Amino acid sequence: SCACTTCHLYIKEGEQNLSEPEDKELDRLDTAWDLRTNSRLGCQAVISGDVVVEFPMYTRNYVQEGGAIQLGKSDQTEDEKKAAEVRP
């Protein structure tokens, strides 16, 4: 929905395997803590191949407290969606 920055992450490898960020994602990223040139919102990036990401400290805390972050919104099967879900 691109309503927050909870899924903010850093792309370490595989940026070429992600969709281009749209204006609404870039606008929302402007409000994220510790914005970097490799910042993306996991809920907006559509994954087409292998990607390595790093979660900022404030996002790691969210995941450790039981939150889940879903990466990508492509035509994934349910098994692929579960595999992309990050949990503690």
C-alpha atoms as a PDB file:
ATOM      1  CA  SER A   1       0.000   0.000   0.000  1.00  0.00           C
ATOM      2  CA  CYS A   2       3.065   2.265   0.302  1.00  0.00           C
ATOM      3  CA  ALA A   3       1.659   3.930   3.429  1.00  0.00           C
ATOM      4  CA  CYS A   4       4.703   3.668   5.725  1.00  0.00           C
ATOM      5  CA  THR A   5       8.402   2.750   5.691  1.00  0.00           C
ATOM      6  CA  THR A   6       8.269  -0.362   7.897  1.00  0.00           C
ATOM      7  CA  CYS A   7       9.531  -2.508   5.004  1.00  0.00           C
ATOM      8  CA  HIS A   8      12.452  -0.160   4.222  1.00  0.00           C
ATOM      9  CA  LEU A   9      15.537  -2.179   3.326  1.00  0.00           C
ATOM     10  CA  TYR A  10      18.898  -1.855   1.592  1.00  0.00           C
ATOM     11  CA  ILE A  11      19.644  -3.759  -1.607  1.00  0.00           C
ATOM     12  CA  LYS A  12      23.102  -5.333  -1.256  1.00  0.00           C
ATOM     13  CA  GLU A  13      23.075  -7.447  -4.449  1.00  0.00           C
ATOM     14  CA  GLY A  14      20.697  -8.092  -7.320  1.00  0.00           C
ATOM     15  CA  GLU A  15      19.262  -4.621  -7.891  1.00  0.00           C
ATOM     16  CA  GLN A  16      18.872  -5.572 -11.567  1.00  0.00           C
ATOM     17  CA  ASN A  17      16.357  -8.229 -10.433  1.00  0.00           C
ATOM     18  CA  LEU A  18      13.946  -5.624  -9.037  1.00  0.00           C
ATOM     19  CA  SER A  19      11.336  -3.470 -10.707  1.00  0.00           C
ATOM     20  CA  GLU A  20      12.121   0.224 -11.077  1.00  0.00           C
ATOM     21  CA  PRO A  21      10.816   2.270  -8.127  1.00  0.00           C
ATOM     22  CA  GLU A  22       7.670   4.255  -8.889  1.00  0.00           C
ATOM     23  CA  ASP A  23       7.122   7.865  -7.802  1.00  0.00           C
ATOM     24  CA  LYS A  24       4.950   6.889  -4.808  1.00  0.00           C
ATOM     25  CA  GLU A  25       7.753   4.641  -3.490  1.00  0.00           C
ATOM     26  CA  LEU A  26      10.376   7.351  -3.958  1.00  0.00           C
ATOM     27  CA  ASP A  27       8.132   9.898  -2.222  1.00  0.00           C
ATOM     28  CA  ARG A  28       7.606   7.553   0.745  1.00  0.00           C
ATOM     29  CA  LEU A  29      11.329   6.720   0.940  1.00  0.00           C
ATOM     30  CA  ASP A  30      11.989  10.433   1.468  1.00  0.00           C
ATOM     31  CA  THR A  31      10.458   9.952   4.938  1.00  0.00           C
ATOM     32  CA  ALA A  32      12.545   6.863   5.863  1.00  0.00           C
ATOM     33  CA  TRP A  33      15.296   6.885   8.464  1.00  0.00           C
ATOM     34  CA  ASP A  34      18.855   6.456   7.207  1.00  0.00           C
ATOM     35  CA  LEU A  35      17.932   6.714   3.523  1.00  0.00           C
ATOM     36  CA  ARG A  36      20.682   5.421   1.218  1.00  0.00           C
ATOM     37  CA  THR A  37      21.126   5.202  -2.535  1.00  0.00           C
ATOM     38  CA  ASN A  38      20.310   1.468  -2.328  1.00  0.00           C
ATOM     39  CA  SER A  39      17.122   1.950  -0.242  1.00  0.00           C
ATOM     40  CA  ARG A  40      13.869   0.330  -1.381  1.00  0.00           C
ATOM     41  CA  LEU A  41      10.491  -0.502   0.108  1.00  0.00           C
ATOM     42  CA  GLY A  42      10.069  -4.273   0.168  1.00  0.00           C
ATOM     43  CA  CYS A  43       6.313  -3.984  -0.343  1.00  0.00           C
ATOM     44  CA  GLN A  44       6.800  -2.140  -3.644  1.00  0.00           C
ATOM     45  CA  ALA A  45       9.784  -3.898  -5.247  1.00  0.00           C
ATOM     46  CA  VAL A  46       8.721  -6.722  -7.581  1.00  0.00           C
ATOM     47  CA  ILE A  47      11.382  -9.449  -7.538  1.00  0.00           C
ATOM     48  CA  SER A  48      12.369 -11.278 -10.731  1.00  0.00           C
ATOM     49  CA  GLY A  49      15.520 -13.069  -9.504  1.00  0.00           C
ATOM     50  CA  ASP A  50      17.968 -13.394  -6.614  1.00  0.00           C
ATOM     51  CA  VAL A  51      18.315 -10.377  -4.329  1.00  0.00           C
ATOM     52  CA  VAL A  52      20.363  -9.887  -1.149  1.00  0.00           C
ATOM     53  CA  VAL A  53      19.034  -7.289   1.298  1.00  0.00           C
ATOM     54  CA  GLU A  54      19.992  -5.758   4.630  1.00  0.00           C
ATOM     55  CA  PHE A  55      17.373  -4.567   7.091  1.00  0.00           C
ATOM     56  CA  PRO A  56      18.001  -1.273   8.928  1.00  0.00           C
ATOM     57  CA  MET A  57      18.204  -1.553  12.721  1.00  0.00           C
ATOM     58  CA  TYR A  58      14.709  -0.139  13.302  1.00  0.00           C
ATOM     59  CA  THR A  59      13.256  -2.680  10.841  1.00  0.00           C
ATOM     60  CA  ARG A  60      15.168  -5.547  12.480  1.00  0.00           C
ATOM     61  CA  ASN A  61      13.540  -4.625  15.772  1.00  0.00           C
ATOM     62  CA  TYR A  62      10.100  -4.810  14.134  1.00  0.00           C
ATOM     63  CA  VAL A  63      10.825  -8.280  12.723  1.00  0.00           C
ATOM     64  CA  GLN A  64      12.228  -9.516  16.064  1.00  0.00           C
ATOM     65  CA  GLU A  65       9.016  -8.424  17.771  1.00  0.00           C
ATOM     66  CA  GLY A  66       6.962 -10.719  15.548  1.00  0.00           C
ATOM     67  CA  GLY A  67       6.282  -8.522  12.547  1.00  0.00           C
ATOM     68  CA  ALA A  68       6.522  -9.957   9.057  1.00  0.00           C
ATOM     69  CA  ILE A  69       7.688  -8.199   5.928  1.00  0.00           C
ATOM     70  CA  GLN A  70       6.490  -9.430   2.537  1.00  0.00           C
ATOM     71  CA  LEU A  71       8.897  -8.770  -0.303  1.00  0.00           C
ATOM     72  CA  GLY A  72       7.537  -8.252  -3.791  1.00  0.00           C
ATOM     73  CA  LYS A  73       4.078  -8.177  -5.339  1.00  0.00           C
ATOM     74  CA  SER A  74       4.550 -10.170  -8.548  1.00  0.00           C
ATOM     75  CA  ASP A  75       2.615 -13.141  -9.927  1.00  0.00           C
ATOM     76  CA  GLN A  76       4.190 -15.426  -7.316  1.00  0.00           C
ATOM     77  CA  THR A  77       2.662 -18.727  -6.281  1.00  0.00           C
ATOM     78  CA  GLU A  78       1.655 -19.111  -2.639  1.00  0.00           C
ATOM     79  CA  ASP A  79       4.823 -21.180  -1.991  1.00  0.00           C
ATOM     80  CA  GLU A  80       6.993 -18.473  -3.567  1.00  0.00           C
ATOM     81  CA  LYS A  81       5.269 -15.803  -1.477  1.00  0.00           C
ATOM     82  CA  LYS A  82       5.901 -17.811   1.706  1.00  0.00           C
ATOM     83  CA  ALA A  83       9.555 -18.274   0.724  1.00  0.00           C
ATOM     84  CA  ALA A  84       9.937 -14.490   0.272  1.00  0.00           C
ATOM     85  CA  GLU A  85       8.371 -13.690   3.647  1.00  0.00           C
ATOM     86  CA  VAL A  86      10.862 -12.670   6.318  1.00  0.00           C
ATOM     87  CA  ARG A  87      10.247 -13.822   9.881  1.00  0.00           C
ATOM     88  CA  PRO A  88      12.467 -13.933  12.974  1.00  0.00           C
END
